[in-house]
Amino acid sequence: MATVLINRTLSQLVNRRNLLVKDGIRFKNGFHEQISMAYPSYSKFFSEIDGKPAS
């Protein structure tokens, strides 16, 4: 019984994570599209628009 509950819970968590990853990719792609339309030469100034900031 407990194993079934753990498996179901784990499956729900994995599905939720997959949705979050897909949403992140979708938002990043949408942002990239918007910024490239507004500032066509932005890639000359920013090599990685979604990279980690300098610390």
Protein backbone atom coordinates (compact mmCIF):
# COMPACT_ATOMS: atom_id res chain seq x y z
CA MET A 1 0.00 0.00 0.00
CA ALA A 2 2.71 2.48 0.99
CA THR A 3 4.75 1.59 -2.10
CA VAL A 4 1.81 2.39 -4.37
CA LEU A 5 1.35 5.76 -2.68
CA ILE A 6 5.07 6.56 -2.96
CA ASN A 7 5.12 5.58 -6.63
CA ARG A 8 2.05 7.68 -7.37
CA THR A 9 3.48 10.68 -5.52
CA LEU A 10 6.84 10.33 -7.26
CA SER A 11 5.12 10.07 -10.62
CA GLN A 12 3.15 13.25 -9.91
CA LEU A 13 6.33 15.09 -8.91
CA VAL A 14 8.15 13.96 -12.05
CA ASN A 15 5.21 15.05 -14.22
CA ARG A 16 5.10 18.43 -12.47
CA ARG A 17 8.84 18.91 -12.96
CA ASN A 18 8.53 18.05 -16.66
CA LEU A 19 5.78 20.66 -17.04
CA LEU A 20 7.92 23.27 -15.28
CA VAL A 21 10.88 22.53 -17.54
CA LYS A 22 8.69 22.82 -20.66
CA ASP A 23 7.22 26.11 -19.37
CA GLY A 24 10.72 27.46 -18.73
CA ILE A 25 11.78 26.61 -22.26
CA ARG A 26 8.61 28.15 -23.68
CA PHE A 27 9.09 31.38 -21.68
CA LYS A 28 12.77 31.60 -22.62
CA ASN A 29 11.97 31.11 -26.32
CA GLY A 30 9.19 33.71 -26.13
CA PHE A 31 11.50 36.19 -24.45
CA HIS A 32 14.19 35.53 -27.06
CA GLU A 33 11.68 36.13 -29.85
CA GLN A 34 10.40 39.37 -28.30
CA ILE A 35 13.86 40.80 -27.60
CA SER A 36 15.14 39.90 -31.06
CA MET A 37 12.17 41.69 -32.65
CA ALA A 38 12.63 44.81 -30.50
CA TYR A 39 16.45 44.84 -30.61
CA PRO A 40 17.68 42.94 -33.69
CA SER A 41 21.36 43.52 -32.85
CA TYR A 42 21.16 42.43 -29.21
CA SER A 43 23.17 39.27 -29.94
CA LYS A 44 26.19 41.44 -30.74
CA PHE A 45 26.17 42.63 -27.11
CA PHE A 46 24.95 39.51 -25.30
CA SER A 47 26.43 36.16 -26.20
CA GLU A 48 24.17 34.17 -23.85
CA ILE A 49 20.85 35.86 -23.09
CA ASP A 50 19.90 33.07 -20.69
CA GLY A 51 23.30 32.45 -19.17
CA LYS A 52 24.23 32.88 -15.53
CA PRO A 53 25.03 36.43 -14.42
CA ALA A 54 28.58 37.40 -13.53
CA SER A 55 29.40 37.23 -9.87
